[in-house]
Amino acid sequence: MVVLPALVDWHIADGAPEIAPAFDDRGWTAADRTDTPNPYWDHTLPILDGDDYGFHHGYLWYRGHFRATGKEFGILLSANTGVHLGNHGIFTAWLNGHYLGSHPSGAQQFPIDPGWLRKDGDNVLAVLVDNTGHLQEEHNGSFREMRGLLDASFAGAPTAIRWKLQGNQGGEDLPDTARGPFNAGGLYGERMGWHLPGFAETGWATTRLPRDRDTAGVDWYRTTVRLDLPTDQDVPIALRIHDAVPRHYRAIVFINGWQVGRYISGVGPQTDFELPPGLLHTQGENTIAIASWSTAPDGGLGEVSLVRQGNYRTSLKPRAVAAPDGREARP
């Protein structure tokens, strides 16, 4: 009988430095376009659609800079995440590091505490937007729907906002062509290669799961596990995420740098994510990385384990799929 190792010790790091007002976004793309080839843009300018700036998949960060008048008492944000039913797609906003809230696709006005505003300096809105992908091509053109932030306006004052945005590393010029364009998005850890094998968790803290988080934000978890499965047996393996009660977070699961699924606590139904042989090393060391986006102050990451889904005699000899590690995939 094959017994899989327990996933006990994890490395953990904060994965959303973009929330902090002092974060350096000077290298980000300025969202300043006033024209678009997409005939379906019908919002105010400038154009904020991520596709217009070469970011077509994965999570997308926006940072808006403005000078406050002191009269702003709310901010109306509108975003399209690609899913209009339930709470599958979502966006989360912060003002000068203070959590404003989260909302599914559509528009939502968030109240502003006047004490959060800097009347004599730069103020920063940070917005993390989910992108669940585009629709298949249809005659009505719905596959061209915009993705990302669409509109932003203050209640109480017509204050202008200068926006910058950041998606997947390289945009349309992928640094990791082996794993393809849908493998990694715009999270800080994805841009820094935290999902890849070969990355050194220098300075990361250690933890065990499950782990609660009492603030909205993003955490990255990494661990390594060695397998030594019998060569004459086919043992399908999945990674399972279990929450005793639903919480407000969503997770992206990577095995040896390959994205194998997304988990949304409380939505489901998927809790088991297949780890295909070739991506999973059945003989040797494996790197598991999980990005957990807490969309409210009751997130974290649930219990994570490896589970057997069968055991069969086989003559097949799976080989590792060639792909760059954390050093080779970085520009």
C-alpha atoms as a PDB file:
ATOM      1  CA  MET A   1       0.000   0.000   0.000  1.00  0.00           C
ATOM      2  CA  VAL A   2       1.286   3.459  -0.944  1.00  0.00           C
ATOM      3  CA  VAL A   3       1.272   5.986   1.914  1.00  0.00           C
ATOM      4  CA  LEU A   4       1.683   9.609   0.891  1.00  0.00           C
ATOM      5  CA  PRO A   5       3.712  12.034   3.034  1.00  0.00           C
ATOM      6  CA  ALA A   6       1.920  14.649   5.118  1.00  0.00           C
ATOM      7  CA  LEU A   7       2.329  18.314   4.181  1.00  0.00           C
ATOM      8  CA  VAL A   8       3.337  19.654   7.581  1.00  0.00           C
ATOM      9  CA  ASP A   9       5.828  22.524   7.402  1.00  0.00           C
ATOM     10  CA  TRP A  10       5.282  25.474   5.068  1.00  0.00           C
ATOM     11  CA  HIS A  11       7.116  28.687   4.261  1.00  0.00           C
ATOM     12  CA  ILE A  12       4.915  31.795   4.197  1.00  0.00           C
ATOM     13  CA  ALA A  13       5.382  35.356   2.895  1.00  0.00           C
ATOM     14  CA  ASP A  14       3.211  38.426   2.374  1.00  0.00           C
ATOM     15  CA  GLY A  15       2.195  38.488  -1.265  1.00  0.00           C
ATOM     16  CA  ALA A  16       0.638  41.940  -1.681  1.00  0.00           C
ATOM     17  CA  PRO A  17       3.218  44.696  -1.085  1.00  0.00           C
ATOM     18  CA  GLU A  18       1.218  46.700  -3.651  1.00  0.00           C
ATOM     19  CA  ILE A  19      -1.263  47.566  -0.884  1.00  0.00           C
ATOM     20  CA  ALA A  20       1.268  49.796   0.916  1.00  0.00           C
ATOM     21  CA  PRO A  21       1.213  53.454  -0.225  1.00  0.00           C
ATOM     22  CA  ALA A  22       5.026  53.514  -0.431  1.00  0.00           C
ATOM     23  CA  PHE A  23       5.194  50.609  -2.903  1.00  0.00           C
ATOM     24  CA  ASP A  24       7.263  51.569  -5.960  1.00  0.00           C
ATOM     25  CA  ASP A  25       5.082  51.285  -9.075  1.00  0.00           C
ATOM     26  CA  ARG A  26       7.230  53.519 -11.307  1.00  0.00           C
ATOM     27  CA  GLY A  27       7.911  50.583 -13.609  1.00  0.00           C
ATOM     28  CA  TRP A  28       4.227  49.785 -14.084  1.00  0.00           C
ATOM     29  CA  THR A  29       2.227  50.595 -17.220  1.00  0.00           C
ATOM     30  CA  ALA A  30       0.440  53.947 -17.178  1.00  0.00           C
ATOM     31  CA  ALA A  31      -3.283  53.537 -17.884  1.00  0.00           C
ATOM     32  CA  ASP A  32      -3.560  56.648 -20.036  1.00  0.00           C
ATOM     33  CA  ARG A  33      -5.002  55.455 -23.341  1.00  0.00           C
ATOM     34  CA  THR A  34      -7.893  57.429 -24.766  1.00  0.00           C
ATOM     35  CA  ASP A  35      -8.672  55.172 -27.730  1.00  0.00           C
ATOM     36  CA  THR A  36      -9.179  51.447 -28.164  1.00  0.00           C
ATOM     37  CA  PRO A  37      -9.791  48.971 -30.983  1.00  0.00           C
ATOM     38  CA  ASN A  38     -12.525  47.409 -28.832  1.00  0.00           C
ATOM     39  CA  PRO A  39     -15.872  48.836 -30.010  1.00  0.00           C
ATOM     40  CA  TYR A  40     -17.545  47.747 -26.768  1.00  0.00           C
ATOM     41  CA  TRP A  41     -15.758  50.239 -24.507  1.00  0.00           C
ATOM     42  CA  ASP A  42     -18.494  52.575 -23.275  1.00  0.00           C
ATOM     43  CA  HIS A  43     -17.032  53.936 -20.042  1.00  0.00           C
ATOM     44  CA  THR A  44     -15.245  57.135 -19.111  1.00  0.00           C
ATOM     45  CA  LEU A  45     -11.631  57.828 -20.057  1.00  0.00           C
ATOM     46  CA  PRO A  46      -8.871  56.896 -19.643  1.00  0.00           C
ATOM     47  CA  ILE A  47      -9.287  53.312 -20.798  1.00  0.00           C
ATOM     48  CA  LEU A  48      -8.574  50.859 -17.983  1.00  0.00           C
ATOM     49  CA  ASP A  49      -9.305  47.581 -19.799  1.00  0.00           C
ATOM     50  CA  GLY A  50      -6.378  45.242 -19.119  1.00  0.00           C
ATOM     51  CA  ASP A  51      -6.507  43.813 -22.658  1.00  0.00           C
ATOM     52  CA  ASP A  52      -5.616  47.210 -24.106  1.00  0.00           C
ATOM     53  CA  TYR A  53      -2.320  47.084 -22.221  1.00  0.00           C
ATOM     54  CA  GLY A  54      -1.359  43.502 -23.094  1.00  0.00           C
ATOM     55  CA  PHE A  55      -2.661  41.771 -19.962  1.00  0.00           C
ATOM     56  CA  HIS A  56      -5.188  39.138 -21.017  1.00  0.00           C
ATOM     57  CA  HIS A  57      -5.388  36.646 -18.145  1.00  0.00           C
ATOM     58  CA  GLY A  58      -4.842  36.188 -14.428  1.00  0.00           C
ATOM     59  CA  TYR A  59      -5.106  38.635 -11.567  1.00  0.00           C
ATOM     60  CA  LEU A  60      -4.549  42.308 -12.365  1.00  0.00           C
ATOM     61  CA  TRP A  61      -3.327  45.065 -10.050  1.00  0.00           C
ATOM     62  CA  TYR A  62      -4.293  48.762 -10.338  1.00  0.00           C
ATOM     63  CA  ARG A  63      -2.796  51.619  -8.347  1.00  0.00           C
ATOM     64  CA  GLY A  64      -4.420  55.052  -8.582  1.00  0.00           C
ATOM     65  CA  HIS A  65      -2.660  58.186  -7.348  1.00  0.00           C
ATOM     66  CA  PHE A  66      -4.521  61.377  -6.436  1.00  0.00           C
ATOM     67  CA  ARG A  67      -4.342  64.544  -4.336  1.00  0.00           C
ATOM     68  CA  ALA A  68      -7.225  64.757  -1.896  1.00  0.00           C
ATOM     69  CA  THR A  69      -9.400  67.810  -1.322  1.00  0.00           C
ATOM     70  CA  GLY A  70     -10.746  66.472   1.963  1.00  0.00           C
ATOM     71  CA  LYS A  71     -14.274  66.346   0.561  1.00  0.00           C
ATOM     72  CA  GLU A  72     -14.080  62.773  -0.730  1.00  0.00           C
ATOM     73  CA  PHE A  73     -16.378  60.568   1.343  1.00  0.00           C
ATOM     74  CA  GLY A  74     -16.682  57.557  -0.984  1.00  0.00           C
ATOM     75  CA  ILE A  75     -15.230  55.902  -4.059  1.00  0.00           C
ATOM     76  CA  LEU A  76     -17.354  54.214  -6.738  1.00  0.00           C
ATOM     77  CA  LEU A  77     -15.461  51.374  -8.426  1.00  0.00           C
ATOM     78  CA  SER A  78     -16.672  49.274 -11.324  1.00  0.00           C
ATOM     79  CA  ALA A  79     -14.920  46.161 -12.604  1.00  0.00           C
ATOM     80  CA  ASN A  80     -15.555  43.235 -14.918  1.00  0.00           C
ATOM     81  CA  THR A  81     -14.026  39.965 -13.741  1.00  0.00           C
ATOM     82  CA  GLY A  82     -15.635  37.763 -16.373  1.00  0.00           C
ATOM     83  CA  VAL A  83     -18.198  35.982 -14.177  1.00  0.00           C
ATOM     84  CA  HIS A  84     -21.591  37.577 -13.561  1.00  0.00           C
ATOM     85  CA  LEU A  85     -23.210  34.824 -11.495  1.00  0.00           C
ATOM     86  CA  GLY A  86     -22.570  34.368  -7.789  1.00  0.00           C
ATOM     87  CA  ASN A  87     -19.282  35.517  -6.325  1.00  0.00           C
ATOM     88  CA  HIS A  88     -16.861  33.613  -8.546  1.00  0.00           C
ATOM     89  CA  GLY A  89     -15.119  36.751  -9.833  1.00  0.00           C
ATOM     90  CA  ILE A  90     -14.218  39.516  -7.392  1.00  0.00           C
ATOM     91  CA  PHE A  91     -12.169  42.645  -6.788  1.00  0.00           C
ATOM     92  CA  THR A  92     -10.720  44.044  -3.538  1.00  0.00           C
ATOM     93  CA  ALA A  93      -9.756  47.664  -2.841  1.00  0.00           C
ATOM     94  CA  TRP A  94      -7.562  49.522  -0.346  1.00  0.00           C
ATOM     95  CA  LEU A  95      -7.011  53.252   0.243  1.00  0.00           C
ATOM     96  CA  ASN A  96      -3.620  54.237   1.669  1.00  0.00           C
ATOM     97  CA  GLY A  97      -3.327  50.712   3.017  1.00  0.00           C
ATOM     98  CA  HIS A  98      -6.807  50.691   4.596  1.00  0.00           C
ATOM     99  CA  TYR A  99      -9.193  47.946   3.484  1.00  0.00           C
ATOM    100  CA  LEU A 100     -12.227  49.335   1.651  1.00  0.00           C
ATOM    101  CA  GLY A 101     -13.941  46.053   0.796  1.00  0.00           C
ATOM    102  CA  SER A 102     -14.547  43.460  -1.904  1.00  0.00           C
ATOM    103  CA  HIS A 103     -17.266  43.068  -4.512  1.00  0.00           C
ATOM    104  CA  PRO A 104     -18.148  40.692  -7.393  1.00  0.00           C
ATOM    105  CA  SER A 105     -18.307  41.905 -10.991  1.00  0.00           C
ATOM    106  CA  GLY A 106     -20.120  45.219 -11.265  1.00  0.00           C
ATOM    107  CA  ALA A 107     -20.106  48.539  -9.428  1.00  0.00           C
ATOM    108  CA  GLN A 108     -19.831  49.230  -5.728  1.00  0.00           C
ATOM    109  CA  GLN A 109     -19.388  52.428  -3.710  1.00  0.00           C
ATOM    110  CA  PHE A 110     -17.059  52.094  -0.737  1.00  0.00           C
ATOM    111  CA  PRO A 111     -17.163  54.658   2.111  1.00  0.00           C
ATOM    112  CA  ILE A 112     -13.989  56.588   2.931  1.00  0.00           C
ATOM    113  CA  ASP A 113     -12.914  57.540   6.429  1.00  0.00           C
ATOM    114  CA  PRO A 114     -11.672  61.169   6.148  1.00  0.00           C
ATOM    115  CA  GLY A 115      -8.870  60.286   8.528  1.00  0.00           C
ATOM    116  CA  TRP A 116      -7.377  58.008   5.863  1.00  0.00           C
ATOM    117  CA  LEU A 117      -6.778  60.885   3.432  1.00  0.00           C
ATOM    118  CA  ARG A 118      -3.522  62.802   3.093  1.00  0.00           C
ATOM    119  CA  LYS A 119      -4.516  66.340   2.173  1.00  0.00           C
ATOM    120  CA  ASP A 120      -0.977  67.498   1.467  1.00  0.00           C
ATOM    121  CA  GLY A 121       0.504  64.475  -0.278  1.00  0.00           C
ATOM    122  CA  ASP A 122       0.028  61.520  -2.560  1.00  0.00           C
ATOM    123  CA  ASN A 123      -2.900  59.176  -1.896  1.00  0.00           C
ATOM    124  CA  VAL A 124      -3.008  55.680  -3.325  1.00  0.00           C
ATOM    125  CA  LEU A 125      -5.908  53.434  -4.264  1.00  0.00           C
ATOM    126  CA  ALA A 126      -4.817  49.805  -4.708  1.00  0.00           C
ATOM    127  CA  VAL A 127      -7.276  47.462  -6.452  1.00  0.00           C
ATOM    128  CA  LEU A 128      -6.743  43.748  -7.109  1.00  0.00           C
ATOM    129  CA  VAL A 129      -9.085  42.401  -9.816  1.00  0.00           C
ATOM    130  CA  ASP A 130      -9.777  38.775 -10.668  1.00  0.00           C
ATOM    131  CA  ASN A 131      -9.905  37.818 -14.341  1.00  0.00           C
ATOM    132  CA  THR A 132     -11.701  34.525 -14.887  1.00  0.00           C
ATOM    133  CA  GLY A 133     -11.130  34.653 -18.639  1.00  0.00           C
ATOM    134  CA  HIS A 134     -12.999  35.616 -21.783  1.00  0.00           C
ATOM    135  CA  LEU A 135     -16.086  34.014 -23.246  1.00  0.00           C
ATOM    136  CA  GLN A 136     -15.888  31.918 -26.371  1.00  0.00           C
ATOM    137  CA  GLU A 137     -16.473  33.816 -29.591  1.00  0.00           C
ATOM    138  CA  GLU A 138     -20.127  34.579 -30.237  1.00  0.00           C
ATOM    139  CA  HIS A 139     -21.881  36.487 -32.988  1.00  0.00           C
ATOM    140  CA  ASN A 140     -22.948  39.195 -30.535  1.00  0.00           C
ATOM    141  CA  GLY A 141     -19.321  40.025 -29.786  1.00  0.00           C
ATOM    142  CA  SER A 142     -19.542  39.195 -26.082  1.00  0.00           C
ATOM    143  CA  PHE A 143     -16.091  37.552 -26.262  1.00  0.00           C
ATOM    144  CA  ARG A 144     -14.709  41.105 -26.517  1.00  0.00           C
ATOM    145  CA  GLU A 145     -16.003  42.129 -23.091  1.00  0.00           C
ATOM    146  CA  MET A 146     -13.508  44.183 -21.130  1.00  0.00           C
ATOM    147  CA  ARG A 147     -11.640  42.717 -18.174  1.00  0.00           C
ATOM    148  CA  GLY A 148     -10.296  44.564 -15.157  1.00  0.00           C
ATOM    149  CA  LEU A 149     -11.192  47.912 -13.657  1.00  0.00           C
ATOM    150  CA  LEU A 150     -13.634  49.929 -15.767  1.00  0.00           C
ATOM    151  CA  ASP A 151     -14.583  53.096 -13.872  1.00  0.00           C
ATOM    152  CA  ALA A 152     -13.593  54.956 -10.738  1.00  0.00           C
ATOM    153  CA  SER A 153     -15.049  58.174  -9.351  1.00  0.00           C
ATOM    154  CA  PHE A 154     -15.181  59.860  -5.969  1.00  0.00           C
ATOM    155  CA  ALA A 155     -18.311  60.857  -4.116  1.00  0.00           C
ATOM    156  CA  GLY A 156     -18.022  64.382  -2.744  1.00  0.00           C
ATOM    157  CA  ALA A 157     -15.417  65.790  -5.135  1.00  0.00           C
ATOM    158  CA  PRO A 158     -14.454  65.430  -8.839  1.00  0.00           C
ATOM    159  CA  THR A 159     -10.915  64.407  -7.910  1.00  0.00           C
ATOM    160  CA  ALA A 160      -8.786  63.116 -10.786  1.00  0.00           C
ATOM    161  CA  ILE A 161      -6.973  59.771 -10.457  1.00  0.00           C
ATOM    162  CA  ARG A 162      -3.794  58.766 -12.307  1.00  0.00           C
ATOM    163  CA  TRP A 163      -3.837  55.019 -12.809  1.00  0.00           C
ATOM    164  CA  LYS A 164      -1.096  52.456 -13.314  1.00  0.00           C
ATOM    165  CA  LEU A 165      -1.644  48.749 -13.834  1.00  0.00           C
ATOM    166  CA  GLN A 166       0.344  45.522 -13.718  1.00  0.00           C
ATOM    167  CA  GLY A 167      -0.576  42.065 -14.944  1.00  0.00           C
ATOM    168  CA  ASN A 168       1.441  38.958 -15.707  1.00  0.00           C
ATOM    169  CA  GLN A 169       5.208  39.336 -16.011  1.00  0.00           C
ATOM    170  CA  GLY A 170       6.076  40.426 -19.542  1.00  0.00           C
ATOM    171  CA  GLY A 171       2.478  40.873 -20.699  1.00  0.00           C
ATOM    172  CA  GLU A 172       2.311  39.404 -24.199  1.00  0.00           C
ATOM    173  CA  ASP A 173       6.086  38.759 -24.167  1.00  0.00           C
ATOM    174  CA  LEU A 174       6.114  35.687 -21.911  1.00  0.00           C
ATOM    175  CA  PRO A 175       9.312  34.800 -20.039  1.00  0.00           C
ATOM    176  CA  ASP A 176       8.030  31.220 -19.554  1.00  0.00           C
ATOM    177  CA  THR A 177       6.811  29.944 -22.908  1.00  0.00           C
ATOM    178  CA  ALA A 178       6.968  26.294 -21.816  1.00  0.00           C
ATOM    179  CA  ARG A 179       4.081  26.627 -19.356  1.00  0.00           C
ATOM    180  CA  GLY A 180       2.178  29.021 -21.594  1.00  0.00           C
ATOM    181  CA  PRO A 181       0.180  32.235 -21.251  1.00  0.00           C
ATOM    182  CA  PHE A 182      -2.459  31.017 -18.779  1.00  0.00           C
ATOM    183  CA  ASN A 183      -0.074  29.652 -16.173  1.00  0.00           C
ATOM    184  CA  ALA A 184       0.721  32.784 -14.160  1.00  0.00           C
ATOM    185  CA  GLY A 185      -0.990  36.134 -13.662  1.00  0.00           C
ATOM    186  CA  GLY A 186      -0.232  39.466 -12.047  1.00  0.00           C
ATOM    187  CA  LEU A 187       0.228  38.635  -8.364  1.00  0.00           C
ATOM    188  CA  TYR A 188       3.517  39.854  -6.929  1.00  0.00           C
ATOM    189  CA  GLY A 189       4.626  36.295  -6.233  1.00  0.00           C
ATOM    190  CA  GLU A 190       3.824  35.212  -9.780  1.00  0.00           C
ATOM    191  CA  ARG A 191       5.851  38.106 -11.178  1.00  0.00           C
ATOM    192  CA  MET A 192       8.747  37.269  -8.833  1.00  0.00           C
ATOM    193  CA  GLY A 193       8.682  33.526  -9.607  1.00  0.00           C
ATOM    194  CA  TRP A 194       7.479  32.367  -6.196  1.00  0.00           C
ATOM    195  CA  HIS A 195       5.437  29.618  -7.852  1.00  0.00           C
ATOM    196  CA  LEU A 196       8.503  28.069  -9.502  1.00  0.00           C
ATOM    197  CA  PRO A 197      10.880  25.364  -8.301  1.00  0.00           C
ATOM    198  CA  GLY A 198      14.363  26.601  -7.552  1.00  0.00           C
ATOM    199  CA  PHE A 199      13.180  29.752  -5.778  1.00  0.00           C
ATOM    200  CA  ALA A 200      14.873  30.191  -2.390  1.00  0.00           C
ATOM    201  CA  GLU A 201      12.528  31.157   0.464  1.00  0.00           C
ATOM    202  CA  THR A 202      15.236  33.233   2.141  1.00  0.00           C
ATOM    203  CA  GLY A 203      13.738  35.295   4.955  1.00  0.00           C
ATOM    204  CA  TRP A 204      10.334  33.623   4.750  1.00  0.00           C
ATOM    205  CA  ALA A 205       8.611  32.636   7.983  1.00  0.00           C
ATOM    206  CA  THR A 206       7.446  29.085   8.678  1.00  0.00           C
ATOM    207  CA  THR A 207       3.931  27.980   9.550  1.00  0.00           C
ATOM    208  CA  ARG A 208       1.506  25.072   9.634  1.00  0.00           C
ATOM    209  CA  LEU A 209      -1.950  24.774   8.165  1.00  0.00           C
ATOM    210  CA  PRO A 210      -4.729  25.642   8.498  1.00  0.00           C
ATOM    211  CA  ARG A 211      -3.858  29.290   9.099  1.00  0.00           C
ATOM    212  CA  ASP A 212      -6.265  32.156   9.794  1.00  0.00           C
ATOM    213  CA  ARG A 213      -5.802  35.681   8.515  1.00  0.00           C
ATOM    214  CA  ASP A 214      -7.637  38.622  10.124  1.00  0.00           C
ATOM    215  CA  THR A 215      -6.897  41.165   7.376  1.00  0.00           C
ATOM    216  CA  ALA A 216      -7.604  41.169   3.641  1.00  0.00           C
ATOM    217  CA  GLY A 217      -4.558  40.532   1.486  1.00  0.00           C
ATOM    218  CA  VAL A 218      -2.460  37.844  -0.178  1.00  0.00           C
ATOM    219  CA  ASP A 219      -0.231  35.170   1.368  1.00  0.00           C
ATOM    220  CA  TRP A 220       2.081  32.768  -0.425  1.00  0.00           C
ATOM    221  CA  TYR A 221       2.796  29.284   0.911  1.00  0.00           C
ATOM    222  CA  ARG A 222       5.555  26.967  -0.293  1.00  0.00           C
ATOM    223  CA  THR A 223       6.671  23.502   0.689  1.00  0.00           C
ATOM    224  CA  THR A 224       8.620  20.616  -0.822  1.00  0.00           C
ATOM    225  CA  VAL A 225       7.701  16.963  -0.714  1.00  0.00           C
ATOM    226  CA  ARG A 226       9.633  13.951  -1.924  1.00  0.00           C
ATOM    227  CA  LEU A 227       7.862  10.999  -3.537  1.00  0.00           C
ATOM    228  CA  ASP A 228       9.198   7.539  -4.207  1.00  0.00           C
ATOM    229  CA  LEU A 229       6.257   5.719  -5.789  1.00  0.00           C
ATOM    230  CA  PRO A 230       6.628   2.139  -7.021  1.00  0.00           C
ATOM    231  CA  THR A 231       7.629   2.170 -10.683  1.00  0.00           C
ATOM    232  CA  ASP A 232       5.171  -0.597 -11.574  1.00  0.00           C
ATOM    233  CA  GLN A 233       2.160   1.158 -10.049  1.00  0.00           C
ATOM    234  CA  ASP A 234       0.034   4.046 -11.304  1.00  0.00           C
ATOM    235  CA  VAL A 235      -1.061   6.039  -8.252  1.00  0.00           C
ATOM    236  CA  PRO A 236      -3.221   9.051  -9.217  1.00  0.00           C
ATOM    237  CA  ILE A 237      -2.593  11.843  -6.691  1.00  0.00           C
ATOM    238  CA  ALA A 238      -4.524  15.022  -5.970  1.00  0.00           C
ATOM    239  CA  LEU A 239      -3.936  17.980  -3.703  1.00  0.00           C
ATOM    240  CA  ARG A 240      -6.888  18.580  -1.389  1.00  0.00           C
ATOM    241  CA  ILE A 241      -7.848  21.852   0.324  1.00  0.00           C
ATOM    242  CA  HIS A 242     -10.267  21.475   3.218  1.00  0.00           C
ATOM    243  CA  ASP A 243     -12.009  24.199   5.227  1.00  0.00           C
ATOM    244  CA  ALA A 244     -14.003  23.234   8.309  1.00  0.00           C
ATOM    245  CA  VAL A 245     -16.242  26.246   7.628  1.00  0.00           C
ATOM    246  CA  PRO A 246     -16.400  28.513   4.538  1.00  0.00           C
ATOM    247  CA  ARG A 247     -14.100  31.514   4.644  1.00  0.00           C
ATOM    248  CA  HIS A 248     -13.537  34.471   2.330  1.00  0.00           C
ATOM    249  CA  TYR A 249     -10.485  33.521   0.323  1.00  0.00           C
ATOM    250  CA  ARG A 250      -9.464  32.001  -2.972  1.00  0.00           C
ATOM    251  CA  ALA A 251      -6.295  30.086  -3.778  1.00  0.00           C
ATOM    252  CA  ILE A 252      -4.171  29.257  -6.827  1.00  0.00           C
ATOM    253  CA  VAL A 253      -2.374  25.909  -6.700  1.00  0.00           C
ATOM    254  CA  PHE A 254       0.989  25.240  -8.396  1.00  0.00           C
ATOM    255  CA  ILE A 255       2.959  22.005  -8.598  1.00  0.00           C
ATOM    256  CA  ASN A 256       6.571  22.412  -9.756  1.00  0.00           C
ATOM    257  CA  GLY A 257       5.622  25.751 -11.279  1.00  0.00           C
ATOM    258  CA  TRP A 258       2.550  24.491 -13.137  1.00  0.00           C
ATOM    259  CA  GLN A 259      -0.844  25.928 -12.226  1.00  0.00           C
ATOM    260  CA  VAL A 260      -3.235  23.011 -11.667  1.00  0.00           C
ATOM    261  CA  GLY A 261      -6.334  24.756 -10.346  1.00  0.00           C
ATOM    262  CA  ARG A 262      -8.096  27.465  -8.389  1.00  0.00           C
ATOM    263  CA  TYR A 263     -10.019  27.038  -5.172  1.00  0.00           C
ATOM    264  CA  ILE A 264     -12.725  29.353  -3.793  1.00  0.00           C
ATOM    265  CA  SER A 265     -13.724  28.616  -0.207  1.00  0.00           C
ATOM    266  CA  GLY A 266     -17.478  28.508   0.228  1.00  0.00           C
ATOM    267  CA  VAL A 267     -18.214  28.315  -3.516  1.00  0.00           C
ATOM    268  CA  GLY A 268     -16.811  24.993  -4.693  1.00  0.00           C
ATOM    269  CA  PRO A 269     -17.480  22.342  -5.608  1.00  0.00           C
ATOM    270  CA  GLN A 270     -13.854  21.505  -6.402  1.00  0.00           C
ATOM    271  CA  THR A 271     -11.599  20.780  -3.446  1.00  0.00           C
ATOM    272  CA  ASP A 272      -9.301  18.156  -5.045  1.00  0.00           C
ATOM    273  CA  PHE A 273      -6.815  19.193  -7.733  1.00  0.00           C
ATOM    274  CA  GLU A 274      -5.253  16.523  -9.927  1.00  0.00           C
ATOM    275  CA  LEU A 275      -1.443  16.415 -10.036  1.00  0.00           C
ATOM    276  CA  PRO A 276      -0.674  14.773 -13.387  1.00  0.00           C
ATOM    277  CA  PRO A 277       2.440  12.575 -13.660  1.00  0.00           C
ATOM    278  CA  GLY A 278       5.053  14.492 -15.579  1.00  0.00           C
ATOM    279  CA  LEU A 279       4.125  17.700 -13.812  1.00  0.00           C
ATOM    280  CA  LEU A 280       4.291  15.806 -10.537  1.00  0.00           C
ATOM    281  CA  HIS A 281       7.590  14.003 -10.016  1.00  0.00           C
ATOM    282  CA  THR A 282       6.624  10.518  -8.854  1.00  0.00           C
ATOM    283  CA  GLN A 283      10.301   9.803  -8.189  1.00  0.00           C
ATOM    284  CA  GLY A 284      11.959  12.811  -6.553  1.00  0.00           C
ATOM    285  CA  GLU A 285      11.316  16.215  -5.024  1.00  0.00           C
ATOM    286  CA  ASN A 286       8.267  18.363  -5.727  1.00  0.00           C
ATOM    287  CA  THR A 287       7.626  22.039  -5.021  1.00  0.00           C
ATOM    288  CA  ILE A 288       4.089  23.006  -4.021  1.00  0.00           C
ATOM    289  CA  ALA A 289       3.197  26.703  -4.031  1.00  0.00           C
ATOM    290  CA  ILE A 290      -0.191  28.170  -3.122  1.00  0.00           C
ATOM    291  CA  ALA A 291      -1.231  31.815  -3.374  1.00  0.00           C
ATOM    292  CA  SER A 292      -4.112  32.599  -0.995  1.00  0.00           C
ATOM    293  CA  TRP A 293      -6.048  35.844  -1.611  1.00  0.00           C
ATOM    294  CA  SER A 294      -8.119  36.755   1.440  1.00  0.00           C
ATOM    295  CA  THR A 295     -10.918  39.001   0.173  1.00  0.00           C
ATOM    296  CA  ALA A 296     -12.138  39.821   3.702  1.00  0.00           C
ATOM    297  CA  PRO A 297     -10.723  39.761   7.264  1.00  0.00           C
ATOM    298  CA  ASP A 298     -11.652  36.091   7.724  1.00  0.00           C
ATOM    299  CA  GLY A 299      -9.429  34.394   5.160  1.00  0.00           C
ATOM    300  CA  GLY A 300      -6.194  32.442   5.351  1.00  0.00           C
ATOM    301  CA  LEU A 301      -5.643  28.955   3.953  1.00  0.00           C
ATOM    302  CA  GLY A 302      -7.291  25.730   4.997  1.00  0.00           C
ATOM    303  CA  GLU A 303      -5.834  22.287   5.575  1.00  0.00           C
ATOM    304  CA  VAL A 304      -3.815  21.002   2.611  1.00  0.00           C
ATOM    305  CA  SER A 305      -3.017  17.338   1.974  1.00  0.00           C
ATOM    306  CA  LEU A 306      -2.111  14.838  -0.732  1.00  0.00           C
ATOM    307  CA  VAL A 307      -4.687  12.126  -1.416  1.00  0.00           C
ATOM    308  CA  ARG A 308      -4.567   8.878  -3.393  1.00  0.00           C
ATOM    309  CA  GLN A 309      -7.273   8.401  -5.997  1.00  0.00           C
ATOM    310  CA  GLY A 310      -6.457   4.824  -6.882  1.00  0.00           C
ATOM    311  CA  ASN A 311      -3.634   2.330  -7.337  1.00  0.00           C
ATOM    312  CA  TYR A 312      -3.163   0.340 -10.553  1.00  0.00           C
ATOM    313  CA  ARG A 313      -0.596  -1.914 -12.126  1.00  0.00           C
ATOM    314  CA  THR A 314       1.139  -0.218 -15.055  1.00  0.00           C
ATOM    315  CA  SER A 315       4.036  -0.451 -17.461  1.00  0.00           C
ATOM    316  CA  LEU A 316       3.997   3.268 -18.194  1.00  0.00           C
ATOM    317  CA  LYS A 317       7.058   5.280 -17.204  1.00  0.00           C
ATOM    318  CA  PRO A 318       6.119   8.963 -16.768  1.00  0.00           C
ATOM    319  CA  ARG A 319       8.818  11.517 -17.491  1.00  0.00           C
ATOM    320  CA  ALA A 320       9.068  15.044 -16.155  1.00  0.00           C
ATOM    321  CA  VAL A 321       7.793  17.729 -18.541  1.00  0.00           C
ATOM    322  CA  ALA A 322      10.668  20.080 -19.317  1.00  0.00           C
ATOM    323  CA  ALA A 323      10.098  23.642 -18.068  1.00  0.00           C
ATOM    324  CA  PRO A 324      12.327  26.380 -16.608  1.00  0.00           C
ATOM    325  CA  ASP A 325      12.899  26.776 -12.884  1.00  0.00           C
ATOM    326  CA  GLY A 326      12.890  29.985 -10.864  1.00  0.00           C
ATOM    327  CA  ARG A 327      16.214  31.176 -12.247  1.00  0.00           C
ATOM    328  CA  GLU A 328      15.633  30.374 -15.922  1.00  0.00           C
ATOM    329  CA  ALA A 329      12.071  31.759 -16.112  1.00  0.00           C
ATOM    330  CA  ARG A 330      12.963  35.185 -14.737  1.00  0.00           C
ATOM    331  CA  PRO A 331      13.763  37.914 -17.301  1.00  0.00           C
END
